[in-house]
Amino acid sequence: MQKQVIIVIAALVLLSTSLSGQIGSQNSETKKYFIGSTFFMLGNLLPQNKPDFVQLNLGYRITPKDVVSIEVKTWKYAWPIGIPYGKYYEAPGENYPGYIREAGIALAYQRFIYKGAYAAVHAFNARQKYVDSEDNKIQIGYQLFMTYRLGYHFQFFKNRLFIEPSIAVTQWPINTNVPESFAAVEKKWNKYFLFEPGLHFGYKF
């Protein structure tokens, strides 16, 4: 994402800290299900490098502290996702000879540690379509994309709506059938990314 998206997310995180966010109320615990998504979809409004990002989360609270969910999502990117923040992030000349379109399903487990503070792990199983600079499909690959997240759950409007600002470490231990032209761009970058901001939202019922 570009700097504008990061600024928007940071502003929303600051806004969310003014909301009541205690997870332990009886009213909260009786709502077993939720539907939600992520504010990263605001990146689709950017004039350049739009990710065409779509995500839908469906979750179930097993216990007051344990939550499982399914995330269905798709997005595209034209730069290696292991490029850290800095001068090379989405810099000209560091991009692929085309782009990657990912689509798949993630399984997530969330554990509340203290009040609204939580840790979570997400395993995203993604089908990757590699597309060249002339918009022709090259081949199909697979990626296992792992996310390890720390965040806080803020709830409001009678505990039905919530926002979850977070920070994450991501890695992709499995990445198969990568075209040579794409692999040549990726090889100088990490297979992990540190301190990725997140801001999920949802509705409990």
C-alpha atoms as a PDB file:
ATOM      1  CA  MET A   1       0.000   0.000   0.000  1.00  0.00           C
ATOM      2  CA  GLN A   2       1.066   3.556  -0.507  1.00  0.00           C
ATOM      3  CA  LYS A   3       1.825   6.126   2.191  1.00  0.00           C
ATOM      4  CA  GLN A   4      -1.670   7.617   1.904  1.00  0.00           C
ATOM      5  CA  VAL A   5      -3.252   4.343   3.012  1.00  0.00           C
ATOM      6  CA  ILE A   6      -0.919   4.109   5.996  1.00  0.00           C
ATOM      7  CA  ILE A   7      -1.831   7.663   7.022  1.00  0.00           C
ATOM      8  CA  VAL A   8      -5.571   6.891   6.774  1.00  0.00           C
ATOM      9  CA  ILE A   9      -5.165   3.727   8.833  1.00  0.00           C
ATOM     10  CA  ALA A  10      -3.122   5.546  11.473  1.00  0.00           C
ATOM     11  CA  ALA A  11      -5.843   8.195  11.768  1.00  0.00           C
ATOM     12  CA  LEU A  12      -8.527   5.548  12.186  1.00  0.00           C
ATOM     13  CA  VAL A  13      -6.473   3.775  14.842  1.00  0.00           C
ATOM     14  CA  LEU A  14      -6.158   7.022  16.804  1.00  0.00           C
ATOM     15  CA  LEU A  15      -9.890   7.580  16.464  1.00  0.00           C
ATOM     16  CA  SER A  16     -10.665   4.090  17.719  1.00  0.00           C
ATOM     17  CA  THR A  17      -8.763   4.664  20.960  1.00  0.00           C
ATOM     18  CA  SER A  18     -11.482   7.077  22.043  1.00  0.00           C
ATOM     19  CA  LEU A  19     -14.088   4.299  21.913  1.00  0.00           C
ATOM     20  CA  SER A  20     -14.999   1.985  24.764  1.00  0.00           C
ATOM     21  CA  GLY A  21     -13.312  -1.348  24.238  1.00  0.00           C
ATOM     22  CA  GLN A  22     -13.746  -3.808  27.088  1.00  0.00           C
ATOM     23  CA  ILE A  23     -14.295  -7.342  25.844  1.00  0.00           C
ATOM     24  CA  GLY A  24     -15.461  -8.959  29.048  1.00  0.00           C
ATOM     25  CA  SER A  25     -19.059  -7.800  29.295  1.00  0.00           C
ATOM     26  CA  GLN A  26     -21.886 -10.317  29.375  1.00  0.00           C
ATOM     27  CA  ASN A  27     -23.503  -8.603  26.411  1.00  0.00           C
ATOM     28  CA  SER A  28     -20.388  -9.111  24.319  1.00  0.00           C
ATOM     29  CA  GLU A  29     -19.965 -12.770  25.235  1.00  0.00           C
ATOM     30  CA  THR A  30     -23.520 -13.686  24.218  1.00  0.00           C
ATOM     31  CA  LYS A  31     -22.895 -12.575  20.618  1.00  0.00           C
ATOM     32  CA  LYS A  32     -21.327 -15.663  19.102  1.00  0.00           C
ATOM     33  CA  TYR A  33     -21.031 -14.654  15.434  1.00  0.00           C
ATOM     34  CA  PHE A  34     -19.631 -11.733  13.489  1.00  0.00           C
ATOM     35  CA  ILE A  35     -19.186 -10.525   9.938  1.00  0.00           C
ATOM     36  CA  GLY A  36     -16.534  -8.003   8.968  1.00  0.00           C
ATOM     37  CA  SER A  37     -13.707  -6.889   6.736  1.00  0.00           C
ATOM     38  CA  THR A  38     -10.697  -4.556   6.746  1.00  0.00           C
ATOM     39  CA  PHE A  39     -10.162  -0.842   6.144  1.00  0.00           C
ATOM     40  CA  PHE A  40      -7.337  -1.786   3.755  1.00  0.00           C
ATOM     41  CA  MET A  41     -10.054  -1.784   1.093  1.00  0.00           C
ATOM     42  CA  LEU A  42      -9.732   2.014   1.192  1.00  0.00           C
ATOM     43  CA  GLY A  43      -6.591   1.456  -0.860  1.00  0.00           C
ATOM     44  CA  ASN A  44      -8.872   0.802  -3.820  1.00  0.00           C
ATOM     45  CA  LEU A  45      -9.541   4.555  -3.894  1.00  0.00           C
ATOM     46  CA  LEU A  46      -5.911   5.418  -4.627  1.00  0.00           C
ATOM     47  CA  PRO A  47      -5.210   6.917  -8.067  1.00  0.00           C
ATOM     48  CA  GLN A  48      -2.218   4.606  -8.674  1.00  0.00           C
ATOM     49  CA  ASN A  49      -1.257   1.028  -7.773  1.00  0.00           C
ATOM     50  CA  LYS A  50      -4.778   0.159  -6.680  1.00  0.00           C
ATOM     51  CA  PRO A  51      -4.785  -3.306  -5.106  1.00  0.00           C
ATOM     52  CA  ASP A  52      -8.403  -4.185  -6.058  1.00  0.00           C
ATOM     53  CA  PHE A  53      -8.604  -5.585  -2.540  1.00  0.00           C
ATOM     54  CA  VAL A  54     -11.757  -7.333  -1.330  1.00  0.00           C
ATOM     55  CA  GLN A  55     -12.131  -9.223   1.952  1.00  0.00           C
ATOM     56  CA  LEU A  56     -15.015 -10.753   3.892  1.00  0.00           C
ATOM     57  CA  ASN A  57     -14.600 -12.212   7.396  1.00  0.00           C
ATOM     58  CA  LEU A  58     -17.024 -14.645   9.042  1.00  0.00           C
ATOM     59  CA  GLY A  59     -16.313 -15.562  12.653  1.00  0.00           C
ATOM     60  CA  TYR A  60     -17.516 -17.567  15.618  1.00  0.00           C
ATOM     61  CA  ARG A  61     -16.689 -17.052  19.316  1.00  0.00           C
ATOM     62  CA  ILE A  62     -15.996 -20.487  20.819  1.00  0.00           C
ATOM     63  CA  THR A  63     -15.413 -19.135  24.338  1.00  0.00           C
ATOM     64  CA  PRO A  64     -15.188 -15.586  25.764  1.00  0.00           C
ATOM     65  CA  LYS A  65     -11.455 -15.652  24.899  1.00  0.00           C
ATOM     66  CA  ASP A  66     -11.280 -17.853  21.797  1.00  0.00           C
ATOM     67  CA  VAL A  67     -12.482 -16.903  18.333  1.00  0.00           C
ATOM     68  CA  VAL A  68     -12.150 -18.667  14.981  1.00  0.00           C
ATOM     69  CA  SER A  69     -12.918 -17.148  11.607  1.00  0.00           C
ATOM     70  CA  ILE A  70     -12.763 -17.621   7.864  1.00  0.00           C
ATOM     71  CA  GLU A  71     -11.476 -14.821   5.621  1.00  0.00           C
ATOM     72  CA  VAL A  72     -12.292 -14.835   1.909  1.00  0.00           C
ATOM     73  CA  LYS A  73     -10.164 -12.329   0.026  1.00  0.00           C
ATOM     74  CA  THR A  74      -8.559 -11.322  -3.237  1.00  0.00           C
ATOM     75  CA  TRP A  75      -6.056  -8.643  -4.227  1.00  0.00           C
ATOM     76  CA  LYS A  76      -3.314  -7.903  -6.725  1.00  0.00           C
ATOM     77  CA  TYR A  77       0.187  -6.518  -6.369  1.00  0.00           C
ATOM     78  CA  ALA A  78       2.996  -5.547  -8.730  1.00  0.00           C
ATOM     79  CA  TRP A  79       5.918  -5.342  -6.260  1.00  0.00           C
ATOM     80  CA  PRO A  80       7.444  -8.100  -4.113  1.00  0.00           C
ATOM     81  CA  ILE A  81       5.662  -8.118  -0.768  1.00  0.00           C
ATOM     82  CA  GLY A  82       8.970  -8.628   1.038  1.00  0.00           C
ATOM     83  CA  ILE A  83      10.215  -5.111   0.245  1.00  0.00           C
ATOM     84  CA  PRO A  84      10.411  -3.260   3.597  1.00  0.00           C
ATOM     85  CA  TYR A  85       9.170   0.274   4.143  1.00  0.00           C
ATOM     86  CA  GLY A  86      11.705   2.757   2.795  1.00  0.00           C
ATOM     87  CA  LYS A  87      13.063   4.054  -0.497  1.00  0.00           C
ATOM     88  CA  TYR A  88      12.566   0.754  -2.342  1.00  0.00           C
ATOM     89  CA  TYR A  89       8.942   0.276  -1.282  1.00  0.00           C
ATOM     90  CA  GLU A  90       6.905   0.459  -4.533  1.00  0.00           C
ATOM     91  CA  ALA A  91       9.892   2.199  -6.148  1.00  0.00           C
ATOM     92  CA  PRO A  92      10.174   2.290  -9.966  1.00  0.00           C
ATOM     93  CA  GLY A  93      12.345  -0.516 -11.252  1.00  0.00           C
ATOM     94  CA  GLU A  94      11.621  -2.820  -8.293  1.00  0.00           C
ATOM     95  CA  ASN A  95       8.304  -4.044  -9.656  1.00  0.00           C
ATOM     96  CA  TYR A  96       7.456  -7.300 -11.412  1.00  0.00           C
ATOM     97  CA  PRO A  97       7.188  -7.568 -15.205  1.00  0.00           C
ATOM     98  CA  GLY A  98       3.428  -7.614 -14.636  1.00  0.00           C
ATOM     99  CA  TYR A  99       1.457  -8.390 -11.489  1.00  0.00           C
ATOM    100  CA  ILE A 100       0.104 -11.184  -9.284  1.00  0.00           C
ATOM    101  CA  ARG A 101      -3.586 -11.707  -8.611  1.00  0.00           C
ATOM    102  CA  GLU A 102      -4.249 -13.679  -5.423  1.00  0.00           C
ATOM    103  CA  ALA A 103      -7.517 -15.219  -4.301  1.00  0.00           C
ATOM    104  CA  GLY A 104      -8.221 -17.686  -1.543  1.00  0.00           C
ATOM    105  CA  ILE A 105      -9.410 -18.482   1.954  1.00  0.00           C
ATOM    106  CA  ALA A 106      -7.687 -17.877   5.280  1.00  0.00           C
ATOM    107  CA  LEU A 107      -8.348 -19.662   8.545  1.00  0.00           C
ATOM    108  CA  ALA A 108      -7.740 -17.524  11.639  1.00  0.00           C
ATOM    109  CA  TYR A 109      -7.534 -18.131  15.369  1.00  0.00           C
ATOM    110  CA  GLN A 110      -7.769 -15.223  17.820  1.00  0.00           C
ATOM    111  CA  ARG A 111      -6.983 -15.436  21.539  1.00  0.00           C
ATOM    112  CA  PHE A 112      -7.880 -12.617  23.923  1.00  0.00           C
ATOM    113  CA  ILE A 113      -5.087 -12.092  26.449  1.00  0.00           C
ATOM    114  CA  TYR A 114      -6.262  -9.242  28.670  1.00  0.00           C
ATOM    115  CA  LYS A 115      -9.511  -7.323  28.240  1.00  0.00           C
ATOM    116  CA  GLY A 116      -9.522  -6.334  24.553  1.00  0.00           C
ATOM    117  CA  ALA A 117      -5.870  -7.175  23.840  1.00  0.00           C
ATOM    118  CA  TYR A 118      -5.445 -10.212  21.612  1.00  0.00           C
ATOM    119  CA  ALA A 119      -3.016 -12.310  19.601  1.00  0.00           C
ATOM    120  CA  ALA A 120      -3.999 -14.007  16.354  1.00  0.00           C
ATOM    121  CA  VAL A 121      -2.618 -16.241  13.631  1.00  0.00           C
ATOM    122  CA  HIS A 122      -3.980 -16.348  10.075  1.00  0.00           C
ATOM    123  CA  ALA A 123      -3.164 -18.985   7.441  1.00  0.00           C
ATOM    124  CA  PHE A 124      -4.103 -17.757   3.948  1.00  0.00           C
ATOM    125  CA  ASN A 125      -4.219 -20.409   1.219  1.00  0.00           C
ATOM    126  CA  ALA A 126      -3.957 -18.443  -2.003  1.00  0.00           C
ATOM    127  CA  ARG A 127      -4.223 -19.268  -5.674  1.00  0.00           C
ATOM    128  CA  GLN A 128      -1.802 -16.973  -7.503  1.00  0.00           C
ATOM    129  CA  LYS A 129      -2.344 -15.932 -11.094  1.00  0.00           C
ATOM    130  CA  TYR A 130       0.786 -14.449 -12.701  1.00  0.00           C
ATOM    131  CA  VAL A 131       0.048 -11.840 -15.376  1.00  0.00           C
ATOM    132  CA  ASP A 132       2.642 -10.229 -17.663  1.00  0.00           C
ATOM    133  CA  SER A 133       2.967  -6.568 -18.623  1.00  0.00           C
ATOM    134  CA  GLU A 134       0.615  -7.092 -21.582  1.00  0.00           C
ATOM    135  CA  ASP A 135      -2.107  -8.482 -19.299  1.00  0.00           C
ATOM    136  CA  ASN A 136      -1.624 -12.077 -20.423  1.00  0.00           C
ATOM    137  CA  LYS A 137      -1.825 -14.910 -17.898  1.00  0.00           C
ATOM    138  CA  ILE A 138       1.519 -16.713 -17.594  1.00  0.00           C
ATOM    139  CA  GLN A 139       0.774 -19.477 -15.107  1.00  0.00           C
ATOM    140  CA  ILE A 140      -0.880 -20.399 -11.815  1.00  0.00           C
ATOM    141  CA  GLY A 141       0.879 -20.917  -8.483  1.00  0.00           C
ATOM    142  CA  TYR A 142       0.086 -21.447  -4.822  1.00  0.00           C
ATOM    143  CA  GLN A 143       1.130 -19.497  -1.730  1.00  0.00           C
ATOM    144  CA  LEU A 144       0.711 -20.173   1.973  1.00  0.00           C
ATOM    145  CA  PHE A 145       0.694 -16.712   3.562  1.00  0.00           C
ATOM    146  CA  MET A 146       0.984 -16.590   7.355  1.00  0.00           C
ATOM    147  CA  THR A 147       0.103 -13.572   9.528  1.00  0.00           C
ATOM    148  CA  TYR A 148       0.962 -13.249  13.233  1.00  0.00           C
ATOM    149  CA  ARG A 149      -0.963 -10.365  14.752  1.00  0.00           C
ATOM    150  CA  LEU A 150      -1.170  -8.392  18.006  1.00  0.00           C
ATOM    151  CA  GLY A 151      -4.033  -5.966  18.429  1.00  0.00           C
ATOM    152  CA  TYR A 152      -6.870  -4.555  20.483  1.00  0.00           C
ATOM    153  CA  HIS A 153     -10.620  -5.047  20.154  1.00  0.00           C
ATOM    154  CA  PHE A 154     -12.699  -1.873  20.596  1.00  0.00           C
ATOM    155  CA  GLN A 155     -16.480  -2.302  20.671  1.00  0.00           C
ATOM    156  CA  PHE A 156     -19.283   0.226  20.702  1.00  0.00           C
ATOM    157  CA  PHE A 157     -22.976   0.787  19.895  1.00  0.00           C
ATOM    158  CA  LYS A 158     -24.120  -1.748  22.509  1.00  0.00           C
ATOM    159  CA  ASN A 159     -21.087  -3.917  21.696  1.00  0.00           C
ATOM    160  CA  ARG A 160     -22.385  -4.826  18.263  1.00  0.00           C
ATOM    161  CA  LEU A 161     -19.843  -2.918  16.169  1.00  0.00           C
ATOM    162  CA  PHE A 162     -16.099  -3.281  16.643  1.00  0.00           C
ATOM    163  CA  ILE A 163     -12.750  -2.051  15.341  1.00  0.00           C
ATOM    164  CA  GLU A 164      -9.461  -3.935  15.743  1.00  0.00           C
ATOM    165  CA  PRO A 165      -6.256  -1.949  15.163  1.00  0.00           C
ATOM    166  CA  SER A 166      -3.254  -4.252  15.062  1.00  0.00           C
ATOM    167  CA  ILE A 167       0.342  -4.768  14.024  1.00  0.00           C
ATOM    168  CA  ALA A 168       1.561  -7.924  12.329  1.00  0.00           C
ATOM    169  CA  VAL A 169       4.485  -9.958  11.072  1.00  0.00           C
ATOM    170  CA  THR A 170       3.838 -11.845   7.845  1.00  0.00           C
ATOM    171  CA  GLN A 171       5.692 -14.637   6.056  1.00  0.00           C
ATOM    172  CA  TRP A 172       5.093 -16.947   3.097  1.00  0.00           C
ATOM    173  CA  PRO A 173       6.907 -20.251   3.721  1.00  0.00           C
ATOM    174  CA  ILE A 174       5.374 -21.954   0.679  1.00  0.00           C
ATOM    175  CA  ASN A 175       5.349 -20.319  -2.752  1.00  0.00           C
ATOM    176  CA  THR A 176       5.120 -22.691  -5.720  1.00  0.00           C
ATOM    177  CA  ASN A 177       5.287 -22.428  -9.505  1.00  0.00           C
ATOM    178  CA  VAL A 178       6.725 -18.896  -9.612  1.00  0.00           C
ATOM    179  CA  PRO A 179       7.699 -17.759 -13.147  1.00  0.00           C
ATOM    180  CA  GLU A 180      11.436 -17.154 -13.585  1.00  0.00           C
ATOM    181  CA  SER A 181      10.894 -13.495 -14.499  1.00  0.00           C
ATOM    182  CA  PHE A 182       9.030 -12.906 -11.228  1.00  0.00           C
ATOM    183  CA  ALA A 183      11.436 -14.989  -9.154  1.00  0.00           C
ATOM    184  CA  ALA A 184      14.346 -12.895 -10.451  1.00  0.00           C
ATOM    185  CA  VAL A 185      12.738  -9.769  -8.982  1.00  0.00           C
ATOM    186  CA  GLU A 186      11.860 -11.439  -5.672  1.00  0.00           C
ATOM    187  CA  LYS A 187      15.171 -13.137  -4.899  1.00  0.00           C
ATOM    188  CA  LYS A 188      16.874 -10.116  -3.343  1.00  0.00           C
ATOM    189  CA  TRP A 189      14.047  -9.465  -0.873  1.00  0.00           C
ATOM    190  CA  ASN A 190      12.940 -11.153   2.345  1.00  0.00           C
ATOM    191  CA  LYS A 191      10.254 -13.809   2.557  1.00  0.00           C
ATOM    192  CA  TYR A 192       8.717 -11.959   5.482  1.00  0.00           C
ATOM    193  CA  PHE A 193       7.452  -8.469   6.290  1.00  0.00           C
ATOM    194  CA  LEU A 194       7.690  -6.727   9.662  1.00  0.00           C
ATOM    195  CA  PHE A 195       5.244  -4.332  11.327  1.00  0.00           C
ATOM    196  CA  GLU A 196       2.366  -4.425   8.889  1.00  0.00           C
ATOM    197  CA  PRO A 197      -0.511  -2.296  10.212  1.00  0.00           C
ATOM    198  CA  GLY A 198      -4.020  -3.692  10.286  1.00  0.00           C
ATOM    199  CA  LEU A 199      -7.459  -2.315  11.009  1.00  0.00           C
ATOM    200  CA  HIS A 200     -10.353  -4.753  10.894  1.00  0.00           C
ATOM    201  CA  PHE A 201     -13.989  -3.924  11.575  1.00  0.00           C
ATOM    202  CA  GLY A 202     -17.145  -5.918  11.986  1.00  0.00           C
ATOM    203  CA  TYR A 203     -20.647  -6.466  13.284  1.00  0.00           C
ATOM    204  CA  LYS A 204     -21.597  -9.030  15.963  1.00  0.00           C
ATOM    205  CA  PHE A 205     -24.877 -10.910  16.043  1.00  0.00           C
END
